[in-house]
mmCIF file of all heavy atoms, coordinates in Angstrom:
data_MODEL
# 
_entry.id   MODEL 
# 
loop_
_atom_site.group_PDB 
_atom_site.id 
_atom_site.type_symbol 
_atom_site.label_atom_id 
_atom_site.label_alt_id 
_atom_site.label_comp_id 
_atom_site.label_asym_id 
_atom_site.label_entity_id 
_atom_site.label_seq_id 
_atom_site.pdbx_PDB_ins_code 
_atom_site.Cartn_x 
_atom_site.Cartn_y 
_atom_site.Cartn_z 
_atom_site.occupancy 
_atom_site.B_iso_or_equiv 
_atom_site.pdbx_formal_charge 
_atom_site.auth_seq_id 
_atom_site.auth_comp_id 
_atom_site.auth_asym_id 
_atom_site.auth_atom_id 
_atom_site.pdbx_PDB_model_num 
ATOM 1   N N   . LEU A 1 1  ? 0.890  -1.141 0.000  1.00 0.00 ? 1  LEU A N   1 
ATOM 2   C CA  . LEU A 1 1  ? 0.000  0.000  0.000  1.00 0.00 ? 1  LEU A CA  1 
ATOM 3   C C   . LEU A 1 1  ? 0.936  1.200  0.000  1.00 0.00 ? 1  LEU A C   1 
ATOM 4   O O   . LEU A 1 1  ? 1.825  1.295  0.858  1.00 0.00 ? 1  LEU A O   1 
ATOM 5   C CB  . LEU A 1 1  ? -0.894 0.031  1.240  1.00 0.00 ? 1  LEU A CB  1 
ATOM 6   C CG  . LEU A 1 1  ? -1.689 1.322  1.416  1.00 0.00 ? 1  LEU A CG  1 
ATOM 7   C CD1 . LEU A 1 1  ? -2.685 1.526  0.266  1.00 0.00 ? 1  LEU A CD1 1 
ATOM 8   C CD2 . LEU A 1 1  ? -2.414 1.318  2.753  1.00 0.00 ? 1  LEU A CD2 1 
ATOM 9   N N   . ARG A 1 2  ? 0.780  2.081  -0.955 1.00 0.00 ? 2  ARG A N   1 
ATOM 10  C CA  . ARG A 1 2  ? 1.642  3.261  -1.052 1.00 0.00 ? 2  ARG A CA  1 
ATOM 11  C C   . ARG A 1 2  ? 0.809  4.511  -0.794 1.00 0.00 ? 2  ARG A C   1 
ATOM 12  O O   . ARG A 1 2  ? -0.259 4.682  -1.368 1.00 0.00 ? 2  ARG A O   1 
ATOM 13  C CB  . ARG A 1 2  ? 2.300  3.328  -2.424 1.00 0.00 ? 2  ARG A CB  1 
ATOM 14  C CG  . ARG A 1 2  ? 3.185  4.561  -2.603 1.00 0.00 ? 2  ARG A CG  1 
ATOM 15  C CD  . ARG A 1 2  ? 4.148  4.406  -3.733 1.00 0.00 ? 2  ARG A CD  1 
ATOM 16  N NE  . ARG A 1 2  ? 5.240  3.524  -3.305 1.00 0.00 ? 2  ARG A NE  1 
ATOM 17  C CZ  . ARG A 1 2  ? 6.192  3.078  -4.116 1.00 0.00 ? 2  ARG A CZ  1 
ATOM 18  N NH1 . ARG A 1 2  ? 6.192  3.404  -5.384 1.00 0.00 ? 2  ARG A NH1 1 
ATOM 19  N NH2 . ARG A 1 2  ? 7.142  2.287  -3.645 1.00 0.00 ? 2  ARG A NH2 1 
ATOM 20  N N   . ILE A 1 3  ? 1.347  5.369  0.075  1.00 0.00 ? 3  ILE A N   1 
ATOM 21  C CA  . ILE A 1 3  ? 0.724  6.644  0.391  1.00 0.00 ? 3  ILE A CA  1 
ATOM 22  C C   . ILE A 1 3  ? 1.646  7.746  -0.136 1.00 0.00 ? 3  ILE A C   1 
ATOM 23  O O   . ILE A 1 3  ? 2.646  8.084  0.498  1.00 0.00 ? 3  ILE A O   1 
ATOM 24  C CB  . ILE A 1 3  ? 0.526  6.806  1.923  1.00 0.00 ? 3  ILE A CB  1 
ATOM 25  C CG1 . ILE A 1 3  ? -0.108 5.569  2.562  1.00 0.00 ? 3  ILE A CG1 1 
ATOM 26  C CG2 . ILE A 1 3  ? -0.255 8.082  2.222  1.00 0.00 ? 3  ILE A CG2 1 
ATOM 27  C CD1 . ILE A 1 3  ? -1.465 5.195  2.019  1.00 0.00 ? 3  ILE A CD1 1 
ATOM 28  N N   . PRO A 1 4  ? 1.329  8.300  -1.308 1.00 0.00 ? 4  PRO A N   1 
ATOM 29  C CA  . PRO A 1 4  ? 2.201  9.327  -1.881 1.00 0.00 ? 4  PRO A CA  1 
ATOM 30  C C   . PRO A 1 4  ? 1.996  10.675 -1.188 1.00 0.00 ? 4  PRO A C   1 
ATOM 31  O O   . PRO A 1 4  ? 0.917  10.953 -0.652 1.00 0.00 ? 4  PRO A O   1 
ATOM 32  C CB  . PRO A 1 4  ? 1.757  9.391  -3.342 1.00 0.00 ? 4  PRO A CB  1 
ATOM 33  C CG  . PRO A 1 4  ? 0.325  8.978  -3.304 1.00 0.00 ? 4  PRO A CG  1 
ATOM 34  C CD  . PRO A 1 4  ? 0.206  7.985  -2.177 1.00 0.00 ? 4  PRO A CD  1 
ATOM 35  N N   . PHE A 1 5  ? 3.034  11.485 -1.197 1.00 0.00 ? 5  PHE A N   1 
ATOM 36  C CA  . PHE A 1 5  ? 2.921  12.844 -0.667 1.00 0.00 ? 5  PHE A CA  1 
ATOM 37  C C   . PHE A 1 5  ? 3.865  13.747 -1.434 1.00 0.00 ? 5  PHE A C   1 
ATOM 38  O O   . PHE A 1 5  ? 4.810  13.280 -2.064 1.00 0.00 ? 5  PHE A O   1 
ATOM 39  C CB  . PHE A 1 5  ? 3.215  12.885 0.841  1.00 0.00 ? 5  PHE A CB  1 
ATOM 40  C CG  . PHE A 1 5  ? 4.569  12.353 1.228  1.00 0.00 ? 5  PHE A CG  1 
ATOM 41  C CD1 . PHE A 1 5  ? 5.703  13.155 1.169  1.00 0.00 ? 5  PHE A CD1 1 
ATOM 42  C CD2 . PHE A 1 5  ? 4.711  11.040 1.658  1.00 0.00 ? 5  PHE A CD2 1 
ATOM 43  C CE1 . PHE A 1 5  ? 6.945  12.659 1.529  1.00 0.00 ? 5  PHE A CE1 1 
ATOM 44  C CE2 . PHE A 1 5  ? 5.945  10.530 2.024  1.00 0.00 ? 5  PHE A CE2 1 
ATOM 45  C CZ  . PHE A 1 5  ? 7.074  11.353 1.960  1.00 0.00 ? 5  PHE A CZ  1 
ATOM 46  N N   . ARG A 1 6  ? 3.580  15.047 -1.364 1.00 0.00 ? 6  ARG A N   1 
ATOM 47  C CA  . ARG A 1 6  ? 4.483  16.015 -1.982 1.00 0.00 ? 6  ARG A CA  1 
ATOM 48  C C   . ARG A 1 6  ? 4.630  17.207 -1.047 1.00 0.00 ? 6  ARG A C   1 
ATOM 49  O O   . ARG A 1 6  ? 3.702  17.561 -0.313 1.00 0.00 ? 6  ARG A O   1 
ATOM 50  C CB  . ARG A 1 6  ? 4.026  16.437 -3.368 1.00 0.00 ? 6  ARG A CB  1 
ATOM 51  C CG  . ARG A 1 6  ? 2.771  17.227 -3.425 1.00 0.00 ? 6  ARG A CG  1 
ATOM 52  C CD  . ARG A 1 6  ? 2.458  17.634 -4.883 1.00 0.00 ? 6  ARG A CD  1 
ATOM 53  N NE  . ARG A 1 6  ? 1.199  18.326 -4.961 1.00 0.00 ? 6  ARG A NE  1 
ATOM 54  C CZ  . ARG A 1 6  ? 1.059  19.634 -4.770 1.00 0.00 ? 6  ARG A CZ  1 
ATOM 55  N NH1 . ARG A 1 6  ? 2.084  20.389 -4.508 1.00 0.00 ? 6  ARG A NH1 1 
ATOM 56  N NH2 . ARG A 1 6  ? -0.132 20.192 -4.858 1.00 0.00 ? 6  ARG A NH2 1 
ATOM 57  N N   . ALA A 1 7  ? 5.798  17.791 -1.073 1.00 0.00 ? 7  ALA A N   1 
ATOM 58  C CA  . ALA A 1 7  ? 6.088  18.936 -0.219 1.00 0.00 ? 7  ALA A CA  1 
ATOM 59  C C   . ALA A 1 7  ? 5.296  20.150 -0.700 1.00 0.00 ? 7  ALA A C   1 
ATOM 60  O O   . ALA A 1 7  ? 5.230  20.417 -1.893 1.00 0.00 ? 7  ALA A O   1 
ATOM 61  C CB  . ALA A 1 7  ? 7.575  19.238 -0.234 1.00 0.00 ? 7  ALA A CB  1 
ATOM 62  N N   . ILE A 1 8  ? 4.686  20.859 0.250  1.00 0.00 ? 8  ILE A N   1 
ATOM 63  C CA  . ILE A 1 8  ? 3.997  22.103 -0.106 1.00 0.00 ? 8  ILE A CA  1 
ATOM 64  C C   . ILE A 1 8  ? 4.614  23.288 0.624  1.00 0.00 ? 8  ILE A C   1 
ATOM 65  O O   . ILE A 1 8  ? 4.320  24.425 0.313  1.00 0.00 ? 8  ILE A O   1 
ATOM 66  C CB  . ILE A 1 8  ? 2.482  22.021 0.172  1.00 0.00 ? 8  ILE A CB  1 
ATOM 67  C CG1 . ILE A 1 8  ? 2.214  21.701 1.631  1.00 0.00 ? 8  ILE A CG1 1 
ATOM 68  C CG2 . ILE A 1 8  ? 1.817  21.030 -0.746 1.00 0.00 ? 8  ILE A CG2 1 
ATOM 69  C CD1 . ILE A 1 8  ? 0.765  21.851 2.019  1.00 0.00 ? 8  ILE A CD1 1 
ATOM 70  N N   . ASP A 1 9  ? 5.461  22.988 1.613  1.00 0.00 ? 9  ASP A N   1 
ATOM 71  C CA  . ASP A 1 9  ? 6.136  24.035 2.370  1.00 0.00 ? 9  ASP A CA  1 
ATOM 72  C C   . ASP A 1 9  ? 7.509  23.518 2.774  1.00 0.00 ? 9  ASP A C   1 
ATOM 73  O O   . ASP A 1 9  ? 7.627  22.730 3.700  1.00 0.00 ? 9  ASP A O   1 
ATOM 74  C CB  . ASP A 1 9  ? 5.302  24.392 3.611  1.00 0.00 ? 9  ASP A CB  1 
ATOM 75  C CG  . ASP A 1 9  ? 5.929  25.495 4.436  1.00 0.00 ? 9  ASP A CG  1 
ATOM 76  O OD1 . ASP A 1 9  ? 6.754  26.254 3.911  1.00 0.00 ? 9  ASP A OD1 1 
ATOM 77  O OD2 . ASP A 1 9  ? 5.589  25.597 5.628  1.00 0.00 ? 9  ASP A OD2 1 
ATOM 78  N N   . GLY A 1 10 ? 8.539  23.906 2.040  1.00 0.00 ? 10 GLY A N   1 
ATOM 79  C CA  . GLY A 1 10 ? 9.885  23.427 2.316  1.00 0.00 ? 10 GLY A CA  1 
ATOM 80  C C   . GLY A 1 10 ? 10.221 22.198 1.487  1.00 0.00 ? 10 GLY A C   1 
ATOM 81  O O   . GLY A 1 10 ? 9.442  21.750 0.648  1.00 0.00 ? 10 GLY A O   1 
ATOM 82  N N   . GLN A 1 11 ? 11.409 21.650 1.741  1.00 0.00 ? 11 GLN A N   1 
ATOM 83  C CA  . GLN A 1 11 ? 11.849 20.424 1.092  1.00 0.00 ? 11 GLN A CA  1 
ATOM 84  C C   . GLN A 1 11 ? 11.759 19.288 2.104  1.00 0.00 ? 11 GLN A C   1 
ATOM 85  O O   . GLN A 1 11 ? 11.801 19.518 3.317  1.00 0.00 ? 11 GLN A O   1 
ATOM 86  C CB  . GLN A 1 11 ? 13.284 20.562 0.589  1.00 0.00 ? 11 GLN A CB  1 
ATOM 87  C CG  . GLN A 1 11 ? 13.425 21.551 -0.545 1.00 0.00 ? 11 GLN A CG  1 
ATOM 88  C CD  . GLN A 1 11 ? 14.840 21.588 -1.093 1.00 0.00 ? 11 GLN A CD  1 
ATOM 89  O OE1 . GLN A 1 11 ? 15.793 21.215 -0.432 1.00 0.00 ? 11 GLN A OE1 1 
ATOM 90  N NE2 . GLN A 1 11 ? 14.977 22.045 -2.325 1.00 0.00 ? 11 GLN A NE2 1 
ATOM 91  N N   . LEU A 1 12 ? 11.656 18.068 1.599  1.00 0.00 ? 12 LEU A N   1 
ATOM 92  C CA  . LEU A 1 12 ? 11.458 16.921 2.486  1.00 0.00 ? 12 LEU A CA  1 
ATOM 93  C C   . LEU A 1 12 ? 12.565 16.759 3.515  1.00 0.00 ? 12 LEU A C   1 
ATOM 94  O O   . LEU A 1 12 ? 12.318 16.242 4.595  1.00 0.00 ? 12 LEU A O   1 
ATOM 95  C CB  . LEU A 1 12 ? 11.311 15.632 1.672  1.00 0.00 ? 12 LEU A CB  1 
ATOM 96  C CG  . LEU A 1 12 ? 10.111 15.568 0.741  1.00 0.00 ? 12 LEU A CG  1 
ATOM 97  C CD1 . LEU A 1 12 ? 10.049 14.205 0.070  1.00 0.00 ? 12 LEU A CD1 1 
ATOM 98  C CD2 . LEU A 1 12 ? 8.812  15.862 1.465  1.00 0.00 ? 12 LEU A CD2 1 
ATOM 99  N N   . ASP A 1 13 ? 13.763 17.200 3.203  1.00 0.00 ? 13 ASP A N   1 
ATOM 100 C CA  . ASP A 1 13 ? 14.863 17.036 4.155  1.00 0.00 ? 13 ASP A CA  1 
ATOM 101 C C   . ASP A 1 13 ? 15.039 18.242 5.081  1.00 0.00 ? 13 ASP A C   1 
ATOM 102 O O   . ASP A 1 13 ? 15.983 18.300 5.844  1.00 0.00 ? 13 ASP A O   1 
ATOM 103 C CB  . ASP A 1 13 ? 16.171 16.734 3.423  1.00 0.00 ? 13 ASP A CB  1 
ATOM 104 C CG  . ASP A 1 13 ? 16.638 17.872 2.538  1.00 0.00 ? 13 ASP A CG  1 
ATOM 105 O OD1 . ASP A 1 13 ? 15.835 18.794 2.260  1.00 0.00 ? 13 ASP A OD1 1 
ATOM 106 O OD2 . ASP A 1 13 ? 17.803 17.840 2.126  1.00 0.00 ? 13 ASP A OD2 1 
ATOM 107 N N   . SER A 1 14 ? 14.101 19.203 5.033  1.00 0.00 ? 14 SER A N   1 
ATOM 108 C CA  . SER A 1 14 ? 14.211 20.384 5.888  1.00 0.00 ? 14 SER A CA  1 
ATOM 109 C C   . SER A 1 14 ? 13.271 20.275 7.092  1.00 0.00 ? 14 SER A C   1 
ATOM 110 O O   . SER A 1 14 ? 12.211 19.652 7.022  1.00 0.00 ? 14 SER A O   1 
ATOM 111 C CB  . SER A 1 14 ? 13.915 21.656 5.098  1.00 0.00 ? 14 SER A CB  1 
ATOM 112 O OG  . SER A 1 14 ? 12.578 21.671 4.646  1.00 0.00 ? 14 SER A OG  1 
ATOM 113 N N   . HIS A 1 15 ? 13.687 20.880 8.186  1.00 0.00 ? 15 HIS A N   1 
ATOM 114 C CA  . HIS A 1 15 ? 12.905 20.880 9.423  1.00 0.00 ? 15 HIS A CA  1 
ATOM 115 C C   . HIS A 1 15 ? 11.574 21.608 9.204  1.00 0.00 ? 15 HIS A C   1 
ATOM 116 O O   . HIS A 1 15 ? 11.544 22.681 8.613  1.00 0.00 ? 15 HIS A O   1 
ATOM 117 C CB  . HIS A 1 15 ? 13.702 21.550 10.538 1.00 0.00 ? 15 HIS A CB  1 
ATOM 118 C CG  . HIS A 1 15 ? 12.971 21.602 11.832 1.00 0.00 ? 15 HIS A CG  1 
ATOM 119 N ND1 . HIS A 1 15 ? 12.720 20.473 12.585 1.00 0.00 ? 15 HIS A ND1 1 
ATOM 120 C CD2 . HIS A 1 15 ? 12.413 22.635 12.506 1.00 0.00 ? 15 HIS A CD2 1 
ATOM 121 C CE1 . HIS A 1 15 ? 12.056 20.813 13.662 1.00 0.00 ? 15 HIS A CE1 1 
ATOM 122 N NE2 . HIS A 1 15 ? 11.859 22.130 13.646 1.00 0.00 ? 15 HIS A NE2 1 
ATOM 123 N N   . GLY A 1 16 ? 10.479 21.022 9.655  1.00 0.00 ? 16 GLY A N   1 
ATOM 124 C CA  . GLY A 1 16 ? 9.177  21.662 9.574  1.00 0.00 ? 16 GLY A CA  1 
ATOM 125 C C   . GLY A 1 16 ? 8.490  21.557 8.228  1.00 0.00 ? 16 GLY A C   1 
ATOM 126 O O   . GLY A 1 16 ? 7.506  22.264 7.988  1.00 0.00 ? 16 GLY A O   1 
ATOM 127 N N   . CYS A 1 17 ? 8.955  20.700 7.351  1.00 0.00 ? 17 CYS A N   1 
ATOM 128 C CA  . CYS A 1 17 ? 8.355  20.535 6.024  1.00 0.00 ? 17 CYS A CA  1 
ATOM 129 C C   . CYS A 1 17 ? 6.903  20.061 6.154  1.00 0.00 ? 17 CYS A C   1 
ATOM 130 O O   . CYS A 1 17 ? 6.590  19.153 6.915  1.00 0.00 ? 17 CYS A O   1 
ATOM 131 C CB  . CYS A 1 17 ? 9.161  19.525 5.210  1.00 0.00 ? 17 CYS A CB  1 
ATOM 132 S SG  . CYS A 1 17 ? 8.457  19.172 3.593  1.00 0.00 ? 17 CYS A SG  1 
ATOM 133 N N   . THR A 1 18 ? 6.025  20.708 5.401  1.00 0.00 ? 18 THR A N   1 
ATOM 134 C CA  . THR A 1 18 ? 4.626  20.306 5.342  1.00 0.00 ? 18 THR A CA  1 
ATOM 135 C C   . THR A 1 18 ? 4.382  19.603 4.020  1.00 0.00 ? 18 THR A C   1 
ATOM 136 O O   . THR A 1 18 ? 4.884  20.042 2.976  1.00 0.00 ? 18 THR A O   1 
ATOM 137 C CB  . THR A 1 18 ? 3.698  21.534 5.455  1.00 0.00 ? 18 THR A CB  1 
ATOM 138 O OG1 . THR A 1 18 ? 3.974  22.208 6.683  1.00 0.00 ? 18 THR A OG1 1 
ATOM 139 C CG2 . THR A 1 18 ? 2.233  21.125 5.436  1.00 0.00 ? 18 THR A CG2 1 
ATOM 140 N N   . VAL A 1 19 ? 3.626  18.509 4.073  1.00 0.00 ? 19 VAL A N   1 
ATOM 141 C CA  . VAL A 1 19 ? 3.338  17.740 2.863  1.00 0.00 ? 19 VAL A CA  1 
ATOM 142 C C   . VAL A 1 19 ? 1.836  17.610 2.658  1.00 0.00 ? 19 VAL A C   1 
ATOM 143 O O   . VAL A 1 19 ? 1.050  17.737 3.606  1.00 0.00 ? 19 VAL A O   1 
ATOM 144 C CB  . VAL A 1 19 ? 3.973  16.329 2.908  1.00 0.00 ? 19 VAL A CB  1 
ATOM 145 C CG1 . VAL A 1 19 ? 5.483  16.406 2.992  1.00 0.00 ? 19 VAL A CG1 1 
ATOM 146 C CG2 . VAL A 1 19 ? 3.413  15.495 4.044  1.00 0.00 ? 19 VAL A CG2 1 
ATOM 147 N N   . MET A 1 20 ? 1.458  17.374 1.414  1.00 0.00 ? 20 MET A N   1 
ATOM 148 C CA  . MET A 1 20 ? 0.072  17.064 1.079  1.00 0.00 ? 20 MET A CA  1 
ATOM 149 C C   . MET A 1 20 ? 0.022  15.605 0.640  1.00 0.00 ? 20 MET A C   1 
ATOM 150 O O   . MET A 1 20 ? 0.809  15.179 -0.208 1.00 0.00 ? 20 MET A O   1 
ATOM 151 C CB  . MET A 1 20 ? -0.442 17.960 -0.042 1.00 0.00 ? 20 MET A CB  1 
ATOM 152 C CG  . MET A 1 20 ? -1.909 17.676 -0.380 1.00 0.00 ? 20 MET A CG  1 
ATOM 153 S SD  . MET A 1 20 ? -2.611 18.835 -1.572 1.00 0.00 ? 20 MET A SD  1 
ATOM 154 C CE  . MET A 1 20 ? -1.749 18.355 -3.057 1.00 0.00 ? 20 MET A CE  1 
ATOM 155 N N   . VAL A 1 21 ? -0.904 14.862 1.210  1.00 0.00 ? 21 VAL A N   1 
ATOM 156 C CA  . VAL A 1 21 ? -1.051 13.438 0.910  1.00 0.00 ? 21 VAL A CA  1 
ATOM 157 C C   . VAL A 1 21 ? -1.852 13.264 -0.375 1.00 0.00 ? 21 VAL A C   1 
ATOM 158 O O   . VAL A 1 21 ? -2.862 13.935 -0.587 1.00 0.00 ? 21 VAL A O   1 
ATOM 159 C CB  . VAL A 1 21 ? -1.737 12.709 2.090  1.00 0.00 ? 21 VAL A CB  1 
ATOM 160 C CG1 . VAL A 1 21 ? -2.004 11.254 1.748  1.00 0.00 ? 21 VAL A CG1 1 
ATOM 161 C CG2 . VAL A 1 21 ? -0.891 12.819 3.346  1.00 0.00 ? 21 VAL A CG2 1 
ATOM 162 N N   . GLY A 1 22 ? -1.386 12.351 -1.230 1.00 0.00 ? 22 GLY A N   1 
ATOM 163 C CA  . GLY A 1 22 ? -2.085 12.027 -2.467 1.00 0.00 ? 22 GLY A CA  1 
ATOM 164 C C   . GLY A 1 22 ? -3.020 10.840 -2.265 1.00 0.00 ? 22 GLY A C   1 
ATOM 165 O O   . GLY A 1 22 ? -3.236 10.370 -1.142 1.00 0.00 ? 22 GLY A O   1 
ATOM 166 N N   . ARG A 1 23 ? -3.546 10.333 -3.352 1.00 0.00 ? 23 ARG A N   1 
ATOM 167 C CA  . ARG A 1 23 ? -4.463 9.187  -3.297 1.00 0.00 ? 23 ARG A CA  1 
ATOM 168 C C   . ARG A 1 23 ? -3.673 7.908  -3.049 1.00 0.00 ? 23 ARG A C   1 
ATOM 169 O O   . ARG A 1 23 ? -2.754 7.579  -3.788 1.00 0.00 ? 23 ARG A O   1 
ATOM 170 C CB  . ARG A 1 23 ? -5.233 9.057  -4.600 1.00 0.00 ? 23 ARG A CB  1 
ATOM 171 C CG  . ARG A 1 23 ? -6.166 7.821  -4.590 1.00 0.00 ? 23 ARG A CG  1 
ATOM 172 C CD  . ARG A 1 23 ? -7.124 7.823  -5.717 1.00 0.00 ? 23 ARG A CD  1 
ATOM 173 N NE  . ARG A 1 23 ? -8.105 8.862  -5.437 1.00 0.00 ? 23 ARG A NE  1 
ATOM 174 C CZ  . ARG A 1 23 ? -9.057 9.228  -6.285 1.00 0.00 ? 23 ARG A CZ  1 
ATOM 175 N NH1 . ARG A 1 23 ? -9.152 8.642  -7.451 1.00 0.00 ? 23 ARG A NH1 1 
ATOM 176 N NH2 . ARG A 1 23 ? -9.907 10.173 -5.962 1.00 0.00 ? 23 ARG A NH2 1 
ATOM 177 N N   . PRO A 1 24 ? -4.029 7.160  -2.003 1.00 0.00 ? 24 PRO A N   1 
ATOM 178 C CA  . PRO A 1 24 ? -3.361 5.871  -1.740 1.00 0.00 ? 24 PRO A CA  1 
ATOM 179 C C   . PRO A 1 24 ? -3.606 4.890  -2.889 1.00 0.00 ? 24 PRO A C   1 
ATOM 180 O O   . PRO A 1 24 ? -4.641 4.948  -3.559 1.00 0.00 ? 24 PRO A O   1 
ATOM 181 C CB  . PRO A 1 24 ? -4.042 5.371  -0.467 1.00 0.00 ? 24 PRO A CB  1 
ATOM 182 C CG  . PRO A 1 24 ? -4.680 6.569  0.148  1.00 0.00 ? 24 PRO A CG  1 
ATOM 183 C CD  . PRO A 1 24 ? -5.039 7.467  -0.993 1.00 0.00 ? 24 PRO A CD  1 
ATOM 184 N N   . TYR A 1 25 ? -2.639 4.001  -3.093 1.00 0.00 ? 25 TYR A N   1 
ATOM 185 C CA  . TYR A 1 25 ? -2.835 2.973  -4.102 1.00 0.00 ? 25 TYR A CA  1 
ATOM 186 C C   . TYR A 1 25 ? -2.075 1.704  -3.734 1.00 0.00 ? 25 TYR A C   1 
ATOM 187 O O   . TYR A 1 25 ? -1.124 1.731  -2.961 1.00 0.00 ? 25 TYR A O   1 
ATOM 188 C CB  . TYR A 1 25 ? -2.457 3.463  -5.509 1.00 0.00 ? 25 TYR A CB  1 
ATOM 189 C CG  . TYR A 1 25 ? -1.041 3.945  -5.685 1.00 0.00 ? 25 TYR A CG  1 
ATOM 190 C CD1 . TYR A 1 25 ? -0.046 3.082  -6.146 1.00 0.00 ? 25 TYR A CD1 1 
ATOM 191 C CD2 . TYR A 1 25 ? -0.695 5.265  -5.431 1.00 0.00 ? 25 TYR A CD2 1 
ATOM 192 C CE1 . TYR A 1 25 ? 1.253  3.525  -6.342 1.00 0.00 ? 25 TYR A CE1 1 
ATOM 193 C CE2 . TYR A 1 25 ? 0.591  5.721  -5.627 1.00 0.00 ? 25 TYR A CE2 1 
ATOM 194 C CZ  . TYR A 1 25 ? 1.565  4.846  -6.084 1.00 0.00 ? 25 TYR A CZ  1 
ATOM 195 O OH  . TYR A 1 25 ? 2.846  5.286  -6.278 1.00 0.00 ? 25 TYR A OH  1 
# 
């Protein structure tokens, strides 16, 4: 089961990064 996400505030390796979850598949 994969839960995709993408950064919407910052980069994934930065402190406090916010992500938006995509559609699971």
